[in-house]
C-alpha atoms as a PDB file:
ATOM      1  CA  UNK A   1       0.230  -0.211  -0.177  1.00  0.00           C
ATOM      2  CA  UNK A   2       0.973   3.441  -0.697  1.00  0.00           C
ATOM      3  CA  UNK A   3      -0.199   6.397   1.110  1.00  0.00           C
ATOM      4  CA  UNK A   4       0.064  10.130  -0.763  1.00  0.00           C
ATOM      5  CA  UNK A   5      -1.491  13.096  -0.105  1.00  0.00           C
ATOM      6  CA  UNK A   6      -0.901  15.919  -3.236  1.00  0.00           C
ATOM      7  CA  UNK A   7      -2.141  19.764  -3.172  1.00  0.00           C
ATOM      8  CA  UNK A   8      -0.449  20.240  -7.230  1.00  0.00           C
ATOM      9  CA  UNK A   9       0.104  16.826  -8.300  1.00  0.00           C
ATOM     10  CA  UNK A  10       4.097  16.336  -7.755  1.00  0.00           C
ATOM     11  CA  UNK A  11       3.886  13.885  -5.205  1.00  0.00           C
ATOM     12  CA  UNK A  12       0.944  12.255  -6.843  1.00  0.00           C
ATOM     13  CA  UNK A  13       2.524  11.535  -9.724  1.00  0.00           C
ATOM     14  CA  UNK A  14       5.934   9.318  -7.523  1.00  0.00           C
ATOM     15  CA  UNK A  15       3.140   7.395  -5.875  1.00  0.00           C
ATOM     16  CA  UNK A  16       1.362   7.028  -9.830  1.00  0.00           C
ATOM     17  CA  UNK A  17       5.253   6.035 -10.545  1.00  0.00           C
ATOM     18  CA  UNK A  18       5.696   4.047  -7.722  1.00  0.00           C
ATOM     19  CA  UNK A  19       2.508   2.004  -7.831  1.00  0.00           C
ATOM     20  CA  UNK A  20       2.797   1.188 -11.776  1.00  0.00           C
ATOM     21  CA  UNK A  21       6.264  -0.209 -11.556  1.00  0.00           C
ATOM     22  CA  UNK A  22       5.401  -1.736  -8.342  1.00  0.00           C
ATOM     23  CA  UNK A  23       2.516  -3.398  -8.975  1.00  0.00           C
ATOM     24  CA  UNK A  24       0.966  -1.513  -5.454  1.00  0.00           C
ATOM     25  CA  UNK A  25      -1.627   0.520  -5.017  1.00  0.00           C
ATOM     26  CA  UNK A  26      -1.434   4.356  -4.452  1.00  0.00           C
ATOM     27  CA  UNK A  27      -4.017   6.145  -1.921  1.00  0.00           C
ATOM     28  CA  UNK A  28      -4.828   9.670  -1.272  1.00  0.00           C
ATOM     29  CA  UNK A  29      -5.317  10.114   2.874  1.00  0.00           C
ATOM     30  CA  UNK A  30      -7.577  13.060   1.732  1.00  0.00           C
ATOM     31  CA  UNK A  31     -10.264   9.763   0.645  1.00  0.00           C
ATOM     32  CA  UNK A  32     -10.143   8.286   3.885  1.00  0.00           C
ATOM     33  CA  UNK A  33      -8.993   4.904   2.871  1.00  0.00           C
ATOM     34  CA  UNK A  34      -8.164   1.861   5.034  1.00  0.00           C
ATOM     35  CA  UNK A  35      -6.267   1.895   7.865  1.00  0.00           C
ATOM     36  CA  UNK A  36      -5.821  -2.303   7.844  1.00  0.00           C
ATOM     37  CA  UNK A  37      -2.848  -3.620   6.193  1.00  0.00           C
ATOM     38  CA  UNK A  38      -2.061  -7.362   5.743  1.00  0.00           C
ATOM     39  CA  UNK A  39       0.735  -7.978   7.642  1.00  0.00           C
ATOM     40  CA  UNK A  40       3.905  -8.413   5.915  1.00  0.00           C
ATOM     41  CA  UNK A  41       3.010  -5.736   3.296  1.00  0.00           C
ATOM     42  CA  UNK A  42       5.521  -3.240   2.239  1.00  0.00           C
ATOM     43  CA  UNK A  43       3.994   0.398   3.025  1.00  0.00           C
ATOM     44  CA  UNK A  44       5.246   3.454   1.241  1.00  0.00           C
ATOM     45  CA  UNK A  45       4.582   7.487   2.258  1.00  0.00           C
ATOM     46  CA  UNK A  46       4.531   9.973  -0.383  1.00  0.00           C
ATOM     47  CA  UNK A  47       3.995  13.609   0.601  1.00  0.00           C
ATOM     48  CA  UNK A  48       5.166  16.852  -0.501  1.00  0.00           C
ATOM     49  CA  UNK A  49       7.314  19.318   2.462  1.00  0.00           C
ATOM     50  CA  UNK A  50       5.671  22.164   4.037  1.00  0.00           C
ATOM     51  CA  UNK A  51       8.201  23.890   5.715  1.00  0.00           C
ATOM     52  CA  UNK A  52      10.007  21.635   6.488  1.00  0.00           C
ATOM     53  CA  UNK A  53       7.769  19.060   7.693  1.00  0.00           C
ATOM     54  CA  UNK A  54       4.233  16.992   6.897  1.00  0.00           C
ATOM     55  CA  UNK A  55       1.022  18.347   5.664  1.00  0.00           C
ATOM     56  CA  UNK A  56      -1.345  17.974   8.644  1.00  0.00           C
ATOM     57  CA  UNK A  57      -3.800  16.007   6.642  1.00  0.00           C
ATOM     58  CA  UNK A  58      -1.229  12.880   6.470  1.00  0.00           C
ATOM     59  CA  UNK A  59       0.350  13.046   9.433  1.00  0.00           C
ATOM     60  CA  UNK A  60      -3.414  13.617  11.348  1.00  0.00           C
ATOM     61  CA  UNK A  61      -3.647  10.193   9.133  1.00  0.00           C
ATOM     62  CA  UNK A  62      -0.174   8.261  10.193  1.00  0.00           C
ATOM     63  CA  UNK A  63      -0.578   8.722  13.757  1.00  0.00           C
ATOM     64  CA  UNK A  64      -3.815   6.614  13.387  1.00  0.00           C
ATOM     65  CA  UNK A  65      -2.162   4.130  11.889  1.00  0.00           C
ATOM     66  CA  UNK A  66      -0.087   1.609  13.125  1.00  0.00           C
ATOM     67  CA  UNK A  67       2.181  -0.748  11.739  1.00  0.00           C
ATOM     68  CA  UNK A  68       3.923  -4.268  12.866  1.00  0.00           C
ATOM     69  CA  UNK A  69       7.472  -4.381  12.700  1.00  0.00           C
ATOM     70  CA  UNK A  70       6.450  -7.042   9.605  1.00  0.00           C
ATOM     71  CA  UNK A  71       6.641  -4.207   6.929  1.00  0.00           C
ATOM     72  CA  UNK A  72       8.902  -2.265   4.980  1.00  0.00           C
ATOM     73  CA  UNK A  73       8.051   0.693   5.409  1.00  0.00           C
ATOM     74  CA  UNK A  74       9.457   4.390   3.343  1.00  0.00           C
ATOM     75  CA  UNK A  75       8.646   7.390   2.878  1.00  0.00           C
ATOM     76  CA  UNK A  76       9.397   9.620  -0.606  1.00  0.00           C
ATOM     77  CA  UNK A  77       9.055  13.225  -0.179  1.00  0.00           C
ATOM     78  CA  UNK A  78       9.416  15.923  -2.637  1.00  0.00           C
ATOM     79  CA  UNK A  79      10.071  19.214  -1.985  1.00  0.00           C
ATOM     80  CA  UNK A  80      11.300  22.046  -3.684  1.00  0.00           C
ATOM     81  CA  UNK A  81      14.453  22.354  -2.057  1.00  0.00           C
ATOM     82  CA  UNK A  82      14.966  20.123   0.786  1.00  0.00           C
ATOM     83  CA  UNK A  83      13.464  17.627   3.087  1.00  0.00           C
ATOM     84  CA  UNK A  84      14.011  18.989   6.955  1.00  0.00           C
ATOM     85  CA  UNK A  85      13.033  16.802   9.421  1.00  0.00           C
ATOM     86  CA  UNK A  86      10.024  15.912   7.975  1.00  0.00           C
ATOM     87  CA  UNK A  87      11.007  11.818   7.897  1.00  0.00           C
ATOM     88  CA  UNK A  88      11.738  12.387  10.839  1.00  0.00           C
ATOM     89  CA  UNK A  89       8.219  13.892  12.012  1.00  0.00           C
ATOM     90  CA  UNK A  90       7.157  10.272  10.593  1.00  0.00           C
ATOM     91  CA  UNK A  91       8.929   7.948  12.369  1.00  0.00           C
ATOM     92  CA  UNK A  92       7.463   9.880  15.462  1.00  0.00           C
ATOM     93  CA  UNK A  93       4.126   9.669  14.886  1.00  0.00           C
ATOM     94  CA  UNK A  94       4.302   5.880  13.496  1.00  0.00           C
ATOM     95  CA  UNK A  95       6.238   5.233  16.127  1.00  0.00           C
ATOM     96  CA  UNK A  96       8.646   2.953  14.473  1.00  0.00           C
ATOM     97  CA  UNK A  97      11.753   3.460  12.251  1.00  0.00           C
ATOM     98  CA  UNK A  98      11.763   3.979   8.811  1.00  0.00           C
ATOM     99  CA  UNK A  99      13.034   1.183   6.676  1.00  0.00           C
ATOM    100  CA  UNK A 100      13.878   4.004   3.669  1.00  0.00           C
ATOM    101  CA  UNK A 101      14.167   7.707   3.127  1.00  0.00           C
ATOM    102  CA  UNK A 102      14.059   9.406  -0.216  1.00  0.00           C
ATOM    103  CA  UNK A 103      13.276  12.560  -1.418  1.00  0.00           C
ATOM    104  CA  UNK A 104      12.564  13.925  -5.110  1.00  0.00           C
ATOM    105  CA  UNK A 105      13.464  17.252  -5.674  1.00  0.00           C
ATOM    106  CA  UNK A 106      10.041  18.808  -7.767  1.00  0.00           C
ATOM    107  CA  UNK A 107       8.869  22.759  -8.528  1.00  0.00           C
ATOM    108  CA  UNK A 108       8.410  24.044  -5.735  1.00  0.00           C
ATOM    109  CA  UNK A 109       4.839  25.625  -5.435  1.00  0.00           C
ATOM    110  CA  UNK A 110       4.387  27.659  -2.503  1.00  0.00           C
ATOM    111  CA  UNK A 111       3.800  30.905  -5.039  1.00  0.00           C
ATOM    112  CA  UNK A 112       4.313  33.248  -2.245  1.00  0.00           C
ATOM    113  CA  UNK A 113       7.783  32.781  -2.348  1.00  0.00           C
ATOM    114  CA  UNK A 114       8.713  30.369  -5.518  1.00  0.00           C
ATOM    115  CA  UNK A 115       8.015  31.286  -9.538  1.00  0.00           C
ATOM    116  CA  UNK A 116       6.687  28.188 -11.148  1.00  0.00           C
ATOM    117  CA  UNK A 117       5.712  31.190 -14.095  1.00  0.00           C
ATOM    118  CA  UNK A 118       8.660  29.170 -16.288  1.00  0.00           C
ATOM    119  CA  UNK A 119       7.602  26.143 -17.850  1.00  0.00           C
ATOM    120  CA  UNK A 120      11.111  25.152 -19.301  1.00  0.00           C
ATOM    121  CA  UNK A 121      12.501  25.308 -15.966  1.00  0.00           C
ATOM    122  CA  UNK A 122       9.750  23.431 -14.485  1.00  0.00           C
ATOM    123  CA  UNK A 123       9.967  20.718 -17.279  1.00  0.00           C
ATOM    124  CA  UNK A 124      13.655  19.817 -17.012  1.00  0.00           C
ATOM    125  CA  UNK A 125      13.005  19.689 -12.747  1.00  0.00           C
ATOM    126  CA  UNK A 126      10.621  17.077 -13.966  1.00  0.00           C
ATOM    127  CA  UNK A 127      12.683  15.311 -16.451  1.00  0.00           C
ATOM    128  CA  UNK A 128      15.748  15.355 -13.624  1.00  0.00           C
ATOM    129  CA  UNK A 129      13.385  13.891 -11.435  1.00  0.00           C
ATOM    130  CA  UNK A 130      12.562  10.623 -13.760  1.00  0.00           C
ATOM    131  CA  UNK A 131      16.249   8.379 -13.101  1.00  0.00           C
ATOM    132  CA  UNK A 132      15.474   9.877  -8.938  1.00  0.00           C
ATOM    133  CA  UNK A 133      12.224   7.916  -9.471  1.00  0.00           C
ATOM    134  CA  UNK A 134      13.841   5.142 -11.284  1.00  0.00           C
ATOM    135  CA  UNK A 135      16.384   4.501  -8.968  1.00  0.00           C
ATOM    136  CA  UNK A 136      14.106   4.458  -5.669  1.00  0.00           C
ATOM    137  CA  UNK A 137      11.759   1.977  -7.209  1.00  0.00           C
ATOM    138  CA  UNK A 138      14.989  -0.617  -7.898  1.00  0.00           C
ATOM    139  CA  UNK A 139      15.901  -0.254  -4.432  1.00  0.00           C
ATOM    140  CA  UNK A 140      12.356  -0.597  -2.950  1.00  0.00           C
ATOM    141  CA  UNK A 141      11.360  -3.668  -5.273  1.00  0.00           C
ATOM    142  CA  UNK A 142      15.098  -4.871  -3.494  1.00  0.00           C
ATOM    143  CA  UNK A 143      13.997  -4.142  -0.440  1.00  0.00           C
ATOM    144  CA  UNK A 144      17.063  -2.066   0.450  1.00  0.00           C
ATOM    145  CA  UNK A 145      17.151  -0.541   3.574  1.00  0.00           C
ATOM    146  CA  UNK A 146      19.020   3.172   4.556  1.00  0.00           C
ATOM    147  CA  UNK A 147      18.992   6.716   4.193  1.00  0.00           C
ATOM    148  CA  UNK A 148      18.805   7.704   0.655  1.00  0.00           C
ATOM    149  CA  UNK A 149      17.189  11.107   1.370  1.00  0.00           C
ATOM    150  CA  UNK A 150      19.995  14.180  -0.828  1.00  0.00           C
ATOM    151  CA  UNK A 151      17.593  17.521   0.545  1.00  0.00           C
ATOM    152  CA  UNK A 152      17.258  16.550   4.193  1.00  0.00           C
ATOM    153  CA  UNK A 153      19.292  20.067   4.488  1.00  0.00           C
ATOM    154  CA  UNK A 154      19.150  21.846   7.781  1.00  0.00           C
ATOM    155  CA  UNK A 155      17.501  18.444   9.095  1.00  0.00           C
ATOM    156  CA  UNK A 156      15.352  19.148  12.617  1.00  0.00           C
ATOM    157  CA  UNK A 157      17.342  22.350  13.265  1.00  0.00           C
ATOM    158  CA  UNK A 158      15.629  24.030  10.443  1.00  0.00           C
ATOM    159  CA  UNK A 159      11.892  22.162  10.566  1.00  0.00           C
ATOM    160  CA  UNK A 160      12.081  23.448  14.954  1.00  0.00           C
ATOM    161  CA  UNK A 161      12.650  27.016  13.367  1.00  0.00           C
ATOM    162  CA  UNK A 162      10.578  27.063   9.908  1.00  0.00           C
ATOM    163  CA  UNK A 163       7.361  24.429  10.896  1.00  0.00           C
ATOM    164  CA  UNK A 164       6.075  26.750  13.478  1.00  0.00           C
ATOM    165  CA  UNK A 165       5.132  29.373  10.828  1.00  0.00           C
ATOM    166  CA  UNK A 166       2.921  27.312   8.671  1.00  0.00           C
ATOM    167  CA  UNK A 167       1.013  26.273  11.707  1.00  0.00           C
ATOM    168  CA  UNK A 168       0.971  30.227  12.232  1.00  0.00           C
ATOM    169  CA  UNK A 169      -0.923  30.489   8.114  1.00  0.00           C
ATOM    170  CA  UNK A 170      -4.009  32.424   7.641  1.00  0.00           C
ATOM    171  CA  UNK A 171      -6.435  32.239   4.982  1.00  0.00           C
ATOM    172  CA  UNK A 172      -7.653  35.494   5.111  1.00  0.00           C
ATOM    173  CA  UNK A 173      -4.728  36.058   2.519  1.00  0.00           C
ATOM    174  CA  UNK A 174      -6.779  33.968   0.437  1.00  0.00           C
ATOM    175  CA  UNK A 175      -8.924  36.393  -2.001  1.00  0.00           C
ATOM    176  CA  UNK A 176     -10.564  35.382  -5.287  1.00  0.00           C
ATOM    177  CA  UNK A 177     -10.660  38.015  -8.380  1.00  0.00           C
ATOM    178  CA  UNK A 178     -13.300  39.470 -10.696  1.00  0.00           C
ATOM    179  CA  UNK A 179     -12.347  36.530 -12.914  1.00  0.00           C
ATOM    180  CA  UNK A 180     -13.648  33.715 -11.006  1.00  0.00           C
ATOM    181  CA  UNK A 181     -17.085  32.421 -12.953  1.00  0.00           C
ATOM    182  CA  UNK A 182     -17.789  30.823  -9.359  1.00  0.00           C
ATOM    183  CA  UNK A 183     -17.058  27.494 -11.110  1.00  0.00           C
ATOM    184  CA  UNK A 184     -16.944  25.759  -7.300  1.00  0.00           C
ATOM    185  CA  UNK A 185     -14.444  23.663  -8.513  1.00  0.00           C
ATOM    186  CA  UNK A 186     -11.613  25.038  -5.571  1.00  0.00           C
ATOM    187  CA  UNK A 187     -14.769  23.983  -3.728  1.00  0.00           C
ATOM    188  CA  UNK A 188     -14.854  20.695  -4.675  1.00  0.00           C
ATOM    189  CA  UNK A 189     -11.241  20.397  -4.832  1.00  0.00           C
ATOM    190  CA  UNK A 190     -10.063  21.447  -1.414  1.00  0.00           C
ATOM    191  CA  UNK A 191      -8.975  18.161   0.821  1.00  0.00           C
ATOM    192  CA  UNK A 192     -10.314  20.037   4.138  1.00  0.00           C
ATOM    193  CA  UNK A 193     -13.315  21.494   3.049  1.00  0.00           C
ATOM    194  CA  UNK A 194     -12.428  24.805   3.519  1.00  0.00           C
ATOM    195  CA  UNK A 195     -13.715  26.717   0.937  1.00  0.00           C
ATOM    196  CA  UNK A 196     -17.600  27.418   0.588  1.00  0.00           C
ATOM    197  CA  UNK A 197     -18.838  29.548  -2.487  1.00  0.00           C
ATOM    198  CA  UNK A 198     -21.194  31.824  -1.795  1.00  0.00           C
ATOM    199  CA  UNK A 199     -23.309  34.279  -3.900  1.00  0.00           C
ATOM    200  CA  UNK A 200     -21.246  33.341  -6.941  1.00  0.00           C
ATOM    201  CA  UNK A 201     -18.147  33.274  -4.933  1.00  0.00           C
ATOM    202  CA  UNK A 202     -14.797  31.434  -2.582  1.00  0.00           C
ATOM    203  CA  UNK A 203     -15.207  32.187   0.870  1.00  0.00           C
ATOM    204  CA  UNK A 204     -12.809  30.472   2.818  1.00  0.00           C
ATOM    205  CA  UNK A 205     -14.558  29.400   6.022  1.00  0.00           C
ATOM    206  CA  UNK A 206     -11.962  28.204   7.928  1.00  0.00           C
ATOM    207  CA  UNK A 207      -9.653  29.847   9.842  1.00  0.00           C
ATOM    208  CA  UNK A 208      -6.803  27.210   9.028  1.00  0.00           C
ATOM    209  CA  UNK A 209      -6.584  25.409   5.913  1.00  0.00           C
ATOM    210  CA  UNK A 210      -3.340  22.453   4.732  1.00  0.00           C
ATOM    211  CA  UNK A 211      -1.773  25.781   2.696  1.00  0.00           C
ATOM    212  CA  UNK A 212      -1.566  23.343  -0.309  1.00  0.00           C
ATOM    213  CA  UNK A 213      -2.623  26.250  -2.360  1.00  0.00           C
ATOM    214  CA  UNK A 214      -4.392  23.557  -4.754  1.00  0.00           C
ATOM    215  CA  UNK A 215      -6.908  25.615  -4.729  1.00  0.00           C
ATOM    216  CA  UNK A 216      -5.042  28.744  -6.015  1.00  0.00           C
ATOM    217  CA  UNK A 217      -3.011  26.489  -9.113  1.00  0.00           C
ATOM    218  CA  UNK A 218      -6.226  24.222 -10.228  1.00  0.00           C
ATOM    219  CA  UNK A 219      -8.322  27.426 -10.728  1.00  0.00           C
ATOM    220  CA  UNK A 220      -9.088  27.670 -14.908  1.00  0.00           C
ATOM    221  CA  UNK A 221      -9.240  31.011 -14.590  1.00  0.00           C
ATOM    222  CA  UNK A 222      -6.546  31.595 -12.145  1.00  0.00           C
ATOM    223  CA  UNK A 223      -8.227  33.678  -9.999  1.00  0.00           C
ATOM    224  CA  UNK A 224      -7.559  33.326  -6.730  1.00  0.00           C
ATOM    225  CA  UNK A 225      -4.062  34.813  -5.022  1.00  0.00           C
ATOM    226  CA  UNK A 226      -2.323  34.382  -1.861  1.00  0.00           C
ATOM    227  CA  UNK A 227      -1.115  37.775  -0.138  1.00  0.00           C
ATOM    228  CA  UNK A 228       0.665  39.842  -3.085  1.00  0.00           C
ATOM    229  CA  UNK A 229       3.215  37.312  -5.225  1.00  0.00           C
ATOM    230  CA  UNK A 230       1.100  34.607  -6.184  1.00  0.00           C
ATOM    231  CA  UNK A 231      -0.617  36.106  -9.479  1.00  0.00           C
ATOM    232  CA  UNK A 232       3.096  37.069 -11.073  1.00  0.00           C
ATOM    233  CA  UNK A 233       5.059  33.975  -9.693  1.00  0.00           C
ATOM    234  CA  UNK A 234       1.708  31.722 -12.099  1.00  0.00           C
ATOM    235  CA  UNK A 235       0.621  28.229 -11.733  1.00  0.00           C
ATOM    236  CA  UNK A 236       1.385  24.439 -11.783  1.00  0.00           C
ATOM    237  CA  UNK A 237      -0.235  21.390 -11.512  1.00  0.00           C
ATOM    238  CA  UNK A 238       2.538  18.496 -12.923  1.00  0.00           C
ATOM    239  CA  UNK A 239       1.485  17.937 -16.263  1.00  0.00           C
ATOM    240  CA  UNK A 240       2.570  14.406 -16.160  1.00  0.00           C
ATOM    241  CA  UNK A 241       0.135  12.997 -13.640  1.00  0.00           C
ATOM    242  CA  UNK A 242      -2.402  10.657 -14.474  1.00  0.00           C
END
């Protein structure tokens, strides 16, 4: 079983590649999948790195998952720069060591800071990720153990400093422009039901959400912004997702 969370398709793509190559199943934790896993079955987690930690939806799911020591257990983290202590957080939630840790560099879709408007640069990153994913597949198939995450950066130190800012993000920075047609796609796709369409426009009805920015990146009219910089930094959803 491969559990994943993905807001803009990067982690979903990795999960799909793994599942197809390893004859496994990839399921999104936002769909509330089963937590019952047959003894001895490999268990994988694929997740984006948020503020050098885990998206809280995945963290909450994992906290209710009980694995025996008979599972080959691994994580594949997607990130724009480094993974921090996201895998360490996962181990604490699981209450056991991971057998293998992996990382894949992808376009960084946190557009309050990073720019994804250059499609050529985005495609170059996606192309460079393919052999990394291929190598990951071979190591998982062979049940290799070890820390193969070469994008850890400062690890625990960085995460302790930066991750609290993730918890303090507010949905008050989300706005919908006059380009919004009220199609309701953002409401349907929000993994934590933080958006409601009222009077034909999206309203963020929760103070906090996942901040996956799926609503922003997948809006067909690019009508949603978060803060003052996202509109000039573009939209991105992994074009290789099936």
